[in-house]
């Protein structure tokens, strides 16, 4: 399906690189659990043909009737893919209550988007693919998730098993990073980068890579951690921020807008900024590890355990000049 989609979209140069990219992204030497995830998805039982798929709901929903044994089998296999971080999903009677209420982020973003109907969309660092399904539900013609995590790749295909062809196979996942997208592609009408920028040691390079993937006039949707301050305010934390390694630059929203303008984007605007709450990011039955509450100072929840300002996220949108 992925190869055919690239053919249909006339992404012929990128198509030639797909075998190598898939082989590298799904190399079993990269992660010892990868064979287990692959086997879990392969063991999902054949499902009834009759089902109702709703990709335009806050919970990505597949209504279908499973027998008790099918229900138990599916639930056990899906839990082998845990932790589930982005969702939620309702697959039959199985509710995957993910760490993040990703639907809340979508609610903040969606009102500001250029209509996604018929658009070609790239979701950079898209995790399990929750937002990609929502993009397809909004009518996008072609949605490609890129994320180097093989766990997320198999989570996406587990959900695909339930969704079937309800999206007309418009939604796809490639286990690569933005650096693997062909240079100066200029193809996508909308590019999302949500929760990625602060993991990049060269944030302006990331912004240029996103711009290069966009078609002229295309729209960038950038969501990232920010701090309060003016155009010159940028936090460079130590080895960890809220217990996360590999966190580099946390600009203010004003500084981030300045970066985007310096990178050649136009119509730069902040459409949302909010503190991340303990209701939006938390441990669940499907993500049993520590979560946000464990990474805040118990005596002062406005600070992280390292003493930095608690997570604040902004959504900034911009366009590539036509």
C-alpha atoms as a PDB file:
ATOM      1  CA  UNK A   1       0.000   0.000   0.000  1.00  0.00           C
ATOM      2  CA  UNK A   2       2.822   2.409   0.836  1.00  0.00           C
ATOM      3  CA  UNK A   3       4.619   1.795  -2.449  1.00  0.00           C
ATOM      4  CA  UNK A   4       1.408   2.185  -4.437  1.00  0.00           C
ATOM      5  CA  UNK A   5       0.600   5.413  -2.597  1.00  0.00           C
ATOM      6  CA  UNK A   6       4.000   6.860  -3.491  1.00  0.00           C
ATOM      7  CA  UNK A   7       3.428   5.826  -7.104  1.00  0.00           C
ATOM      8  CA  UNK A   8       0.006   7.434  -7.123  1.00  0.00           C
ATOM      9  CA  UNK A   9       1.451  10.646  -5.682  1.00  0.00           C
ATOM     10  CA  UNK A  10       4.275  10.566  -8.258  1.00  0.00           C
ATOM     11  CA  UNK A  11       6.915  10.587  -5.523  1.00  0.00           C
ATOM     12  CA  UNK A  12       9.171   8.524  -7.750  1.00  0.00           C
ATOM     13  CA  UNK A  13      12.523   9.767  -6.439  1.00  0.00           C
ATOM     14  CA  UNK A  14      11.504   9.056  -2.861  1.00  0.00           C
ATOM     15  CA  UNK A  15       9.962   5.713  -3.903  1.00  0.00           C
ATOM     16  CA  UNK A  16      13.397   4.496  -4.997  1.00  0.00           C
ATOM     17  CA  UNK A  17      14.670   5.058  -1.432  1.00  0.00           C
ATOM     18  CA  UNK A  18      11.780   3.317   0.336  1.00  0.00           C
ATOM     19  CA  UNK A  19      13.234  -0.227   0.476  1.00  0.00           C
ATOM     20  CA  UNK A  20      16.392   0.995   2.201  1.00  0.00           C
ATOM     21  CA  UNK A  21      14.491   3.335   4.515  1.00  0.00           C
ATOM     22  CA  UNK A  22      12.061   0.614   5.584  1.00  0.00           C
ATOM     23  CA  UNK A  23      14.897  -1.866   6.110  1.00  0.00           C
ATOM     24  CA  UNK A  24      16.790   0.598   8.295  1.00  0.00           C
ATOM     25  CA  UNK A  25      13.710   1.738  10.195  1.00  0.00           C
ATOM     26  CA  UNK A  26      12.630  -1.834  10.951  1.00  0.00           C
ATOM     27  CA  UNK A  27      16.103  -3.274  11.537  1.00  0.00           C
ATOM     28  CA  UNK A  28      15.727  -5.766  14.370  1.00  0.00           C
ATOM     29  CA  UNK A  29      19.167  -4.802  15.668  1.00  0.00           C
ATOM     30  CA  UNK A  30      17.779  -1.370  16.534  1.00  0.00           C
ATOM     31  CA  UNK A  31      15.413  -2.639  19.201  1.00  0.00           C
ATOM     32  CA  UNK A  32      15.274  -6.031  20.864  1.00  0.00           C
ATOM     33  CA  UNK A  33      11.482  -5.924  21.225  1.00  0.00           C
ATOM     34  CA  UNK A  34      10.786  -5.253  17.553  1.00  0.00           C
ATOM     35  CA  UNK A  35      10.117  -8.937  16.658  1.00  0.00           C
ATOM     36  CA  UNK A  36       7.589  -9.126  19.535  1.00  0.00           C
ATOM     37  CA  UNK A  37       5.714  -6.054  18.246  1.00  0.00           C
ATOM     38  CA  UNK A  38       5.683  -7.388  14.704  1.00  0.00           C
ATOM     39  CA  UNK A  39       4.412 -10.771  15.890  1.00  0.00           C
ATOM     40  CA  UNK A  40       1.703  -9.165  18.051  1.00  0.00           C
ATOM     41  CA  UNK A  41       0.261  -7.296  15.053  1.00  0.00           C
ATOM     42  CA  UNK A  42       0.514 -10.408  12.853  1.00  0.00           C
ATOM     43  CA  UNK A  43      -1.475 -12.402  15.434  1.00  0.00           C
ATOM     44  CA  UNK A  44      -4.420 -10.008  15.547  1.00  0.00           C
ATOM     45  CA  UNK A  45      -7.428 -12.100  14.494  1.00  0.00           C
ATOM     46  CA  UNK A  46      -9.347 -11.637  11.293  1.00  0.00           C
ATOM     47  CA  UNK A  47     -12.122  -9.167  12.016  1.00  0.00           C
ATOM     48  CA  UNK A  48     -15.736  -9.035  10.848  1.00  0.00           C
ATOM     49  CA  UNK A  49     -16.214  -7.262   7.535  1.00  0.00           C
ATOM     50  CA  UNK A  50     -19.064  -5.200   8.934  1.00  0.00           C
ATOM     51  CA  UNK A  51     -17.705  -2.283  10.922  1.00  0.00           C
ATOM     52  CA  UNK A  52     -18.220   1.453  11.268  1.00  0.00           C
ATOM     53  CA  UNK A  53     -15.083   3.577  11.353  1.00  0.00           C
ATOM     54  CA  UNK A  54     -15.191   7.157  12.591  1.00  0.00           C
ATOM     55  CA  UNK A  55     -12.010   9.131  12.110  1.00  0.00           C
ATOM     56  CA  UNK A  56     -13.618  12.507  12.789  1.00  0.00           C
ATOM     57  CA  UNK A  57     -14.307  11.875  16.481  1.00  0.00           C
ATOM     58  CA  UNK A  58     -12.163  12.846  19.462  1.00  0.00           C
ATOM     59  CA  UNK A  59     -11.717   9.123  20.024  1.00  0.00           C
ATOM     60  CA  UNK A  60     -10.693   7.351  16.808  1.00  0.00           C
ATOM     61  CA  UNK A  61     -13.440   4.742  16.782  1.00  0.00           C
ATOM     62  CA  UNK A  62     -13.980   1.402  15.084  1.00  0.00           C
ATOM     63  CA  UNK A  63     -17.397  -0.033  15.919  1.00  0.00           C
ATOM     64  CA  UNK A  64     -17.436  -3.785  15.473  1.00  0.00           C
ATOM     65  CA  UNK A  65     -18.534  -6.839  17.395  1.00  0.00           C
ATOM     66  CA  UNK A  66     -15.845  -9.138  18.770  1.00  0.00           C
ATOM     67  CA  UNK A  67     -16.439 -12.445  20.479  1.00  0.00           C
ATOM     68  CA  UNK A  68     -15.209 -12.751  24.067  1.00  0.00           C
ATOM     69  CA  UNK A  69     -12.168 -14.720  22.937  1.00  0.00           C
ATOM     70  CA  UNK A  70     -11.386 -12.233  20.150  1.00  0.00           C
ATOM     71  CA  UNK A  71     -11.728  -9.373  22.615  1.00  0.00           C
ATOM     72  CA  UNK A  72      -9.293 -10.978  25.063  1.00  0.00           C
ATOM     73  CA  UNK A  73      -6.871 -11.869  22.280  1.00  0.00           C
ATOM     74  CA  UNK A  74      -6.886  -8.381  20.793  1.00  0.00           C
ATOM     75  CA  UNK A  75      -6.533  -6.675  24.164  1.00  0.00           C
ATOM     76  CA  UNK A  76      -3.587  -8.867  25.156  1.00  0.00           C
ATOM     77  CA  UNK A  77      -1.850  -8.330  21.827  1.00  0.00           C
ATOM     78  CA  UNK A  78      -2.428  -4.560  21.830  1.00  0.00           C
ATOM     79  CA  UNK A  79      -0.975  -4.333  25.341  1.00  0.00           C
ATOM     80  CA  UNK A  80       2.219  -5.941  24.071  1.00  0.00           C
ATOM     81  CA  UNK A  81       2.709  -2.726  22.084  1.00  0.00           C
ATOM     82  CA  UNK A  82       2.516  -0.540  25.232  1.00  0.00           C
ATOM     83  CA  UNK A  83       3.232   2.129  26.261  1.00  0.00           C
ATOM     84  CA  UNK A  84       0.561   3.834  24.176  1.00  0.00           C
ATOM     85  CA  UNK A  85       1.277   7.559  24.352  1.00  0.00           C
ATOM     86  CA  UNK A  86      -0.913   9.286  21.724  1.00  0.00           C
ATOM     87  CA  UNK A  87      -4.636   8.623  21.349  1.00  0.00           C
ATOM     88  CA  UNK A  88      -7.322   7.735  22.441  1.00  0.00           C
ATOM     89  CA  UNK A  89      -8.668   4.829  20.395  1.00  0.00           C
ATOM     90  CA  UNK A  90     -11.866   2.779  20.691  1.00  0.00           C
ATOM     91  CA  UNK A  91     -11.346  -0.539  18.892  1.00  0.00           C
ATOM     92  CA  UNK A  92     -14.464  -2.620  19.295  1.00  0.00           C
ATOM     93  CA  UNK A  93     -15.060  -2.640  23.039  1.00  0.00           C
ATOM     94  CA  UNK A  94     -11.361  -2.037  23.748  1.00  0.00           C
ATOM     95  CA  UNK A  95     -10.677   1.515  24.867  1.00  0.00           C
ATOM     96  CA  UNK A  96      -7.009   2.489  24.619  1.00  0.00           C
ATOM     97  CA  UNK A  97      -6.679   5.294  27.143  1.00  0.00           C
ATOM     98  CA  UNK A  98      -3.341   6.761  26.121  1.00  0.00           C
ATOM     99  CA  UNK A  99      -0.933   8.871  28.188  1.00  0.00           C
ATOM    100  CA  UNK A 100      -1.789  11.990  26.206  1.00  0.00           C
ATOM    101  CA  UNK A 101      -5.273  13.281  25.533  1.00  0.00           C
ATOM    102  CA  UNK A 102      -4.164  14.003  21.979  1.00  0.00           C
ATOM    103  CA  UNK A 103      -7.728  14.963  21.117  1.00  0.00           C
ATOM    104  CA  UNK A 104      -7.312  18.060  23.286  1.00  0.00           C
ATOM    105  CA  UNK A 105      -4.301  19.130  21.219  1.00  0.00           C
ATOM    106  CA  UNK A 106      -6.306  18.517  18.038  1.00  0.00           C
ATOM    107  CA  UNK A 107      -9.153  20.632  19.386  1.00  0.00           C
ATOM    108  CA  UNK A 108      -6.713  23.493  19.916  1.00  0.00           C
ATOM    109  CA  UNK A 109      -5.152  23.142  16.468  1.00  0.00           C
ATOM    110  CA  UNK A 110      -8.059  22.217  14.180  1.00  0.00           C
ATOM    111  CA  UNK A 111      -9.999  25.533  14.197  1.00  0.00           C
ATOM    112  CA  UNK A 112      -6.957  27.357  12.808  1.00  0.00           C
ATOM    113  CA  UNK A 113      -6.069  24.974   9.965  1.00  0.00           C
ATOM    114  CA  UNK A 114      -6.577  25.651   6.317  1.00  0.00           C
ATOM    115  CA  UNK A 115      -9.204  23.010   5.375  1.00  0.00           C
ATOM    116  CA  UNK A 116      -7.444  19.656   5.014  1.00  0.00           C
ATOM    117  CA  UNK A 117      -9.846  18.319   2.395  1.00  0.00           C
ATOM    118  CA  UNK A 118      -7.938  17.082  -0.675  1.00  0.00           C
ATOM    119  CA  UNK A 119      -4.604  18.192   0.801  1.00  0.00           C
ATOM    120  CA  UNK A 120      -1.357  16.240   0.976  1.00  0.00           C
ATOM    121  CA  UNK A 121      -0.186  16.172   4.587  1.00  0.00           C
ATOM    122  CA  UNK A 122       3.064  15.248   6.354  1.00  0.00           C
ATOM    123  CA  UNK A 123       2.973  14.522  10.106  1.00  0.00           C
ATOM    124  CA  UNK A 124       6.530  14.700  11.453  1.00  0.00           C
ATOM    125  CA  UNK A 125       7.083  12.738  14.661  1.00  0.00           C
ATOM    126  CA  UNK A 126       3.480  11.557  14.549  1.00  0.00           C
ATOM    127  CA  UNK A 127       3.826   8.756  17.110  1.00  0.00           C
ATOM    128  CA  UNK A 128       1.129   6.099  16.926  1.00  0.00           C
ATOM    129  CA  UNK A 129      -0.638   8.020  14.170  1.00  0.00           C
ATOM    130  CA  UNK A 130      -3.595   9.371  16.140  1.00  0.00           C
ATOM    131  CA  UNK A 131      -3.401  12.812  14.559  1.00  0.00           C
ATOM    132  CA  UNK A 132      -2.877  11.300  11.105  1.00  0.00           C
ATOM    133  CA  UNK A 133      -6.179   9.430  11.393  1.00  0.00           C
ATOM    134  CA  UNK A 134      -7.830  12.705  12.384  1.00  0.00           C
ATOM    135  CA  UNK A 135      -6.274  14.373   9.327  1.00  0.00           C
ATOM    136  CA  UNK A 136      -7.706  11.628   7.134  1.00  0.00           C
ATOM    137  CA  UNK A 137     -11.030  12.077   8.900  1.00  0.00           C
ATOM    138  CA  UNK A 138     -10.886  15.764   7.943  1.00  0.00           C
ATOM    139  CA  UNK A 139     -10.672  14.753   4.284  1.00  0.00           C
ATOM    140  CA  UNK A 140      -6.945  14.854   3.509  1.00  0.00           C
ATOM    141  CA  UNK A 141      -6.112  13.159   0.207  1.00  0.00           C
ATOM    142  CA  UNK A 142      -2.758  11.702   1.348  1.00  0.00           C
ATOM    143  CA  UNK A 143      -1.376  11.575   4.903  1.00  0.00           C
ATOM    144  CA  UNK A 144       2.143  10.393   5.673  1.00  0.00           C
ATOM    145  CA  UNK A 145       3.384   9.911   9.227  1.00  0.00           C
ATOM    146  CA  UNK A 146       7.129   9.845   9.682  1.00  0.00           C
ATOM    147  CA  UNK A 147       8.567   8.754  13.023  1.00  0.00           C
ATOM    148  CA  UNK A 148      11.727   6.713  13.569  1.00  0.00           C
ATOM    149  CA  UNK A 149      10.209   4.656  16.393  1.00  0.00           C
ATOM    150  CA  UNK A 150       9.454   1.059  15.331  1.00  0.00           C
ATOM    151  CA  UNK A 151       7.096   0.710  18.300  1.00  0.00           C
ATOM    152  CA  UNK A 152       4.941   3.543  16.917  1.00  0.00           C
ATOM    153  CA  UNK A 153       5.122   1.949  13.467  1.00  0.00           C
ATOM    154  CA  UNK A 154       3.569  -1.256  14.797  1.00  0.00           C
ATOM    155  CA  UNK A 155       1.029   0.630  16.913  1.00  0.00           C
ATOM    156  CA  UNK A 156      -0.071   2.409  13.741  1.00  0.00           C
ATOM    157  CA  UNK A 157      -0.434  -0.900  11.889  1.00  0.00           C
ATOM    158  CA  UNK A 158      -2.348  -2.419  14.782  1.00  0.00           C
ATOM    159  CA  UNK A 159      -4.893   0.388  14.462  1.00  0.00           C
ATOM    160  CA  UNK A 160      -4.785  -0.042  10.674  1.00  0.00           C
ATOM    161  CA  UNK A 161      -5.849  -3.671  11.210  1.00  0.00           C
ATOM    162  CA  UNK A 162      -9.078  -2.394  12.789  1.00  0.00           C
ATOM    163  CA  UNK A 163      -9.609   0.588  10.468  1.00  0.00           C
ATOM    164  CA  UNK A 164      -9.131  -1.582   7.377  1.00  0.00           C
ATOM    165  CA  UNK A 165      -9.729   0.342   4.156  1.00  0.00           C
ATOM    166  CA  UNK A 166     -12.227   2.783   5.675  1.00  0.00           C
ATOM    167  CA  UNK A 167      -9.861   5.651   4.813  1.00  0.00           C
ATOM    168  CA  UNK A 168      -9.371   4.333   1.254  1.00  0.00           C
ATOM    169  CA  UNK A 169      -5.750   3.740   2.294  1.00  0.00           C
ATOM    170  CA  UNK A 170      -4.995   7.450   2.362  1.00  0.00           C
ATOM    171  CA  UNK A 171      -3.016   7.181   5.638  1.00  0.00           C
ATOM    172  CA  UNK A 172       0.530   5.796   5.789  1.00  0.00           C
ATOM    173  CA  UNK A 173       3.517   5.454   8.116  1.00  0.00           C
ATOM    174  CA  UNK A 174       7.205   5.492   7.259  1.00  0.00           C
ATOM    175  CA  UNK A 175       9.698   4.780  10.117  1.00  0.00           C
ATOM    176  CA  UNK A 176      12.139   7.593   9.316  1.00  0.00           C
ATOM    177  CA  UNK A 177      12.994  11.070  10.582  1.00  0.00           C
ATOM    178  CA  UNK A 178      12.699  14.415   8.809  1.00  0.00           C
ATOM    179  CA  UNK A 179      16.330  14.132   7.696  1.00  0.00           C
ATOM    180  CA  UNK A 180      15.297  11.182   5.499  1.00  0.00           C
ATOM    181  CA  UNK A 181      12.776  13.220   3.510  1.00  0.00           C
ATOM    182  CA  UNK A 182      14.309  14.094   0.133  1.00  0.00           C
ATOM    183  CA  UNK A 183      15.792  17.577   0.086  1.00  0.00           C
ATOM    184  CA  UNK A 184      13.730  20.407  -1.392  1.00  0.00           C
ATOM    185  CA  UNK A 185      10.772  18.098  -1.924  1.00  0.00           C
ATOM    186  CA  UNK A 186       8.264  20.965  -2.118  1.00  0.00           C
ATOM    187  CA  UNK A 187       5.331  18.542  -2.126  1.00  0.00           C
ATOM    188  CA  UNK A 188       3.085  18.746   0.944  1.00  0.00           C
ATOM    189  CA  UNK A 189       0.248  21.239   1.306  1.00  0.00           C
ATOM    190  CA  UNK A 190       0.343  20.998   5.122  1.00  0.00           C
ATOM    191  CA  UNK A 191       3.219  19.913   7.347  1.00  0.00           C
ATOM    192  CA  UNK A 192       2.741  19.220  11.054  1.00  0.00           C
ATOM    193  CA  UNK A 193       5.629  19.119  13.523  1.00  0.00           C
ATOM    194  CA  UNK A 194       4.197  18.636  16.997  1.00  0.00           C
ATOM    195  CA  UNK A 195       6.419  17.803  19.956  1.00  0.00           C
ATOM    196  CA  UNK A 196       9.619  17.575  17.907  1.00  0.00           C
ATOM    197  CA  UNK A 197      11.427  20.925  17.795  1.00  0.00           C
ATOM    198  CA  UNK A 198      12.717  20.850  21.392  1.00  0.00           C
ATOM    199  CA  UNK A 199      14.406  17.505  20.697  1.00  0.00           C
ATOM    200  CA  UNK A 200      16.464  19.023  17.874  1.00  0.00           C
ATOM    201  CA  UNK A 201      19.946  20.381  18.727  1.00  0.00           C
ATOM    202  CA  UNK A 202      19.749  22.553  15.592  1.00  0.00           C
ATOM    203  CA  UNK A 203      16.194  23.968  15.671  1.00  0.00           C
ATOM    204  CA  UNK A 204      16.619  26.341  12.728  1.00  0.00           C
ATOM    205  CA  UNK A 205      17.791  23.429  10.592  1.00  0.00           C
ATOM    206  CA  UNK A 206      14.587  21.588  11.542  1.00  0.00           C
ATOM    207  CA  UNK A 207      12.506  24.589  10.502  1.00  0.00           C
ATOM    208  CA  UNK A 208      14.317  24.717   7.162  1.00  0.00           C
ATOM    209  CA  UNK A 209      13.702  20.983   6.639  1.00  0.00           C
ATOM    210  CA  UNK A 210       9.991  21.485   7.283  1.00  0.00           C
ATOM    211  CA  UNK A 211       9.916  24.408   4.878  1.00  0.00           C
ATOM    212  CA  UNK A 212      11.688  22.356   2.194  1.00  0.00           C
ATOM    213  CA  UNK A 213       9.003  19.645   2.424  1.00  0.00           C
ATOM    214  CA  UNK A 214       6.201  22.174   1.880  1.00  0.00           C
ATOM    215  CA  UNK A 215       4.781  23.127  -1.480  1.00  0.00           C
ATOM    216  CA  UNK A 216       4.815  26.878  -2.256  1.00  0.00           C
ATOM    217  CA  UNK A 217       2.027  28.481  -0.260  1.00  0.00           C
ATOM    218  CA  UNK A 218       1.809  25.449   2.020  1.00  0.00           C
ATOM    219  CA  UNK A 219       1.002  25.655   5.719  1.00  0.00           C
ATOM    220  CA  UNK A 220       3.244  24.722   8.657  1.00  0.00           C
ATOM    221  CA  UNK A 221       1.705  23.702  11.982  1.00  0.00           C
ATOM    222  CA  UNK A 222       4.378  23.796  14.673  1.00  0.00           C
ATOM    223  CA  UNK A 223       3.673  22.763  18.262  1.00  0.00           C
ATOM    224  CA  UNK A 224       6.478  22.803  20.807  1.00  0.00           C
ATOM    225  CA  UNK A 225       7.498  23.565  24.365  1.00  0.00           C
ATOM    226  CA  UNK A 226       7.964  27.268  25.034  1.00  0.00           C
ATOM    227  CA  UNK A 227       8.763  29.580  27.922  1.00  0.00           C
ATOM    228  CA  UNK A 228       7.448  33.014  28.765  1.00  0.00           C
ATOM    229  CA  UNK A 229       9.480  35.960  27.556  1.00  0.00           C
ATOM    230  CA  UNK A 230      10.332  38.316  24.718  1.00  0.00           C
ATOM    231  CA  UNK A 231      11.923  37.801  21.297  1.00  0.00           C
ATOM    232  CA  UNK A 232      15.329  37.174  22.889  1.00  0.00           C
ATOM    233  CA  UNK A 233      14.178  34.610  25.497  1.00  0.00           C
ATOM    234  CA  UNK A 234      15.371  31.038  24.992  1.00  0.00           C
ATOM    235  CA  UNK A 235      15.891  28.370  27.678  1.00  0.00           C
ATOM    236  CA  UNK A 236      18.659  25.834  27.147  1.00  0.00           C
ATOM    237  CA  UNK A 237      18.158  23.305  29.967  1.00  0.00           C
ATOM    238  CA  UNK A 238      20.764  20.973  31.391  1.00  0.00           C
ATOM    239  CA  UNK A 239      20.920  17.249  30.753  1.00  0.00           C
ATOM    240  CA  UNK A 240      17.209  16.795  31.449  1.00  0.00           C
ATOM    241  CA  UNK A 241      14.026  18.828  31.360  1.00  0.00           C
ATOM    242  CA  UNK A 242      11.002  17.339  33.177  1.00  0.00           C
ATOM    243  CA  UNK A 243      13.083  14.134  33.299  1.00  0.00           C
ATOM    244  CA  UNK A 244      13.325  14.076  29.491  1.00  0.00           C
ATOM    245  CA  UNK A 245      16.772  13.698  27.948  1.00  0.00           C
ATOM    246  CA  UNK A 246      17.685  15.327  24.662  1.00  0.00           C
ATOM    247  CA  UNK A 247      15.737  18.528  25.263  1.00  0.00           C
ATOM    248  CA  UNK A 248      17.568  21.491  23.793  1.00  0.00           C
ATOM    249  CA  UNK A 249      16.022  24.865  22.967  1.00  0.00           C
ATOM    250  CA  UNK A 250      12.799  26.141  24.538  1.00  0.00           C
ATOM    251  CA  UNK A 251      12.118  29.591  23.031  1.00  0.00           C
ATOM    252  CA  UNK A 252       9.394  32.009  23.953  1.00  0.00           C
ATOM    253  CA  UNK A 253       6.549  32.172  21.445  1.00  0.00           C
ATOM    254  CA  UNK A 254       7.851  35.547  20.304  1.00  0.00           C
ATOM    255  CA  UNK A 255      11.345  34.142  19.790  1.00  0.00           C
ATOM    256  CA  UNK A 256       9.908  31.184  17.890  1.00  0.00           C
ATOM    257  CA  UNK A 257       8.016  33.522  15.562  1.00  0.00           C
ATOM    258  CA  UNK A 258      11.273  35.411  15.013  1.00  0.00           C
ATOM    259  CA  UNK A 259      13.033  32.137  14.129  1.00  0.00           C
ATOM    260  CA  UNK A 260      10.337  31.267  11.604  1.00  0.00           C
ATOM    261  CA  UNK A 261      10.540  34.666   9.977  1.00  0.00           C
ATOM    262  CA  UNK A 262      14.331  34.408   9.786  1.00  0.00           C
ATOM    263  CA  UNK A 263      13.868  31.047   8.044  1.00  0.00           C
ATOM    264  CA  UNK A 264      11.737  32.710   5.377  1.00  0.00           C
ATOM    265  CA  UNK A 265       8.228  31.801   6.516  1.00  0.00           C
ATOM    266  CA  UNK A 266       5.407  34.298   6.083  1.00  0.00           C
ATOM    267  CA  UNK A 267       2.125  34.919   7.904  1.00  0.00           C
ATOM    268  CA  UNK A 268       3.629  33.678  11.182  1.00  0.00           C
ATOM    269  CA  UNK A 269       1.103  33.637  14.014  1.00  0.00           C
ATOM    270  CA  UNK A 270       0.646  32.089  17.469  1.00  0.00           C
ATOM    271  CA  UNK A 271      -2.778  30.433  17.610  1.00  0.00           C
ATOM    272  CA  UNK A 272      -2.572  28.789  21.036  1.00  0.00           C
ATOM    273  CA  UNK A 273      -0.434  28.736  24.151  1.00  0.00           C
ATOM    274  CA  UNK A 274      -1.236  26.804  27.314  1.00  0.00           C
ATOM    275  CA  UNK A 275       0.265  25.084  30.348  1.00  0.00           C
ATOM    276  CA  UNK A 276       0.166  21.276  30.045  1.00  0.00           C
ATOM    277  CA  UNK A 277      -2.185  19.965  32.723  1.00  0.00           C
ATOM    278  CA  UNK A 278      -2.121  16.733  34.693  1.00  0.00           C
ATOM    279  CA  UNK A 279      -5.430  15.811  33.044  1.00  0.00           C
ATOM    280  CA  UNK A 280      -3.914  16.028  29.571  1.00  0.00           C
ATOM    281  CA  UNK A 281      -0.778  13.964  30.254  1.00  0.00           C
ATOM    282  CA  UNK A 282      -0.977  11.154  32.811  1.00  0.00           C
ATOM    283  CA  UNK A 283      -0.325   7.489  33.511  1.00  0.00           C
ATOM    284  CA  UNK A 284      -3.043   5.037  32.474  1.00  0.00           C
ATOM    285  CA  UNK A 285      -3.632   1.311  32.183  1.00  0.00           C
ATOM    286  CA  UNK A 286      -2.071   1.562  28.694  1.00  0.00           C
ATOM    287  CA  UNK A 287       0.912   3.690  29.804  1.00  0.00           C
ATOM    288  CA  UNK A 288       1.894   2.532  33.245  1.00  0.00           C
ATOM    289  CA  UNK A 289       5.219   4.348  33.520  1.00  0.00           C
ATOM    290  CA  UNK A 290       5.835   7.690  35.206  1.00  0.00           C
ATOM    291  CA  UNK A 291       4.157  10.689  33.619  1.00  0.00           C
ATOM    292  CA  UNK A 292       3.956  14.447  34.054  1.00  0.00           C
ATOM    293  CA  UNK A 293       2.973  14.456  37.737  1.00  0.00           C
ATOM    294  CA  UNK A 294       6.204  12.621  38.544  1.00  0.00           C
ATOM    295  CA  UNK A 295       8.294  15.200  36.692  1.00  0.00           C
ATOM    296  CA  UNK A 296       7.030  18.301  38.522  1.00  0.00           C
ATOM    297  CA  UNK A 297       8.322  19.643  41.816  1.00  0.00           C
ATOM    298  CA  UNK A 298       5.874  18.215  44.410  1.00  0.00           C
ATOM    299  CA  UNK A 299       6.275  21.403  46.481  1.00  0.00           C
ATOM    300  CA  UNK A 300       5.767  23.713  43.493  1.00  0.00           C
ATOM    301  CA  UNK A 301       3.970  22.239  40.456  1.00  0.00           C
ATOM    302  CA  UNK A 302       4.777  25.375  38.445  1.00  0.00           C
ATOM    303  CA  UNK A 303       8.363  24.068  38.245  1.00  0.00           C
ATOM    304  CA  UNK A 304       9.882  20.841  36.970  1.00  0.00           C
ATOM    305  CA  UNK A 305      11.867  18.577  39.269  1.00  0.00           C
ATOM    306  CA  UNK A 306      14.987  20.265  37.869  1.00  0.00           C
ATOM    307  CA  UNK A 307      13.668  23.718  38.764  1.00  0.00           C
ATOM    308  CA  UNK A 308      12.681  24.884  35.277  1.00  0.00           C
ATOM    309  CA  UNK A 309       9.271  26.354  34.387  1.00  0.00           C
ATOM    310  CA  UNK A 310       6.629  23.621  34.042  1.00  0.00           C
ATOM    311  CA  UNK A 311       5.774  22.514  30.494  1.00  0.00           C
ATOM    312  CA  UNK A 312       4.018  25.170  28.442  1.00  0.00           C
ATOM    313  CA  UNK A 313       3.159  24.462  24.816  1.00  0.00           C
ATOM    314  CA  UNK A 314       2.424  26.782  21.941  1.00  0.00           C
ATOM    315  CA  UNK A 315       1.000  26.218  18.486  1.00  0.00           C
ATOM    316  CA  UNK A 316       2.522  28.507  15.879  1.00  0.00           C
ATOM    317  CA  UNK A 317       1.428  28.488  12.257  1.00  0.00           C
ATOM    318  CA  UNK A 318       3.150  29.901   9.190  1.00  0.00           C
ATOM    319  CA  UNK A 319       3.235  29.625   5.412  1.00  0.00           C
ATOM    320  CA  UNK A 320       5.899  28.968   2.860  1.00  0.00           C
ATOM    321  CA  UNK A 321       5.829  31.898   0.439  1.00  0.00           C
ATOM    322  CA  UNK A 322       4.149  31.020  -2.851  1.00  0.00           C
END
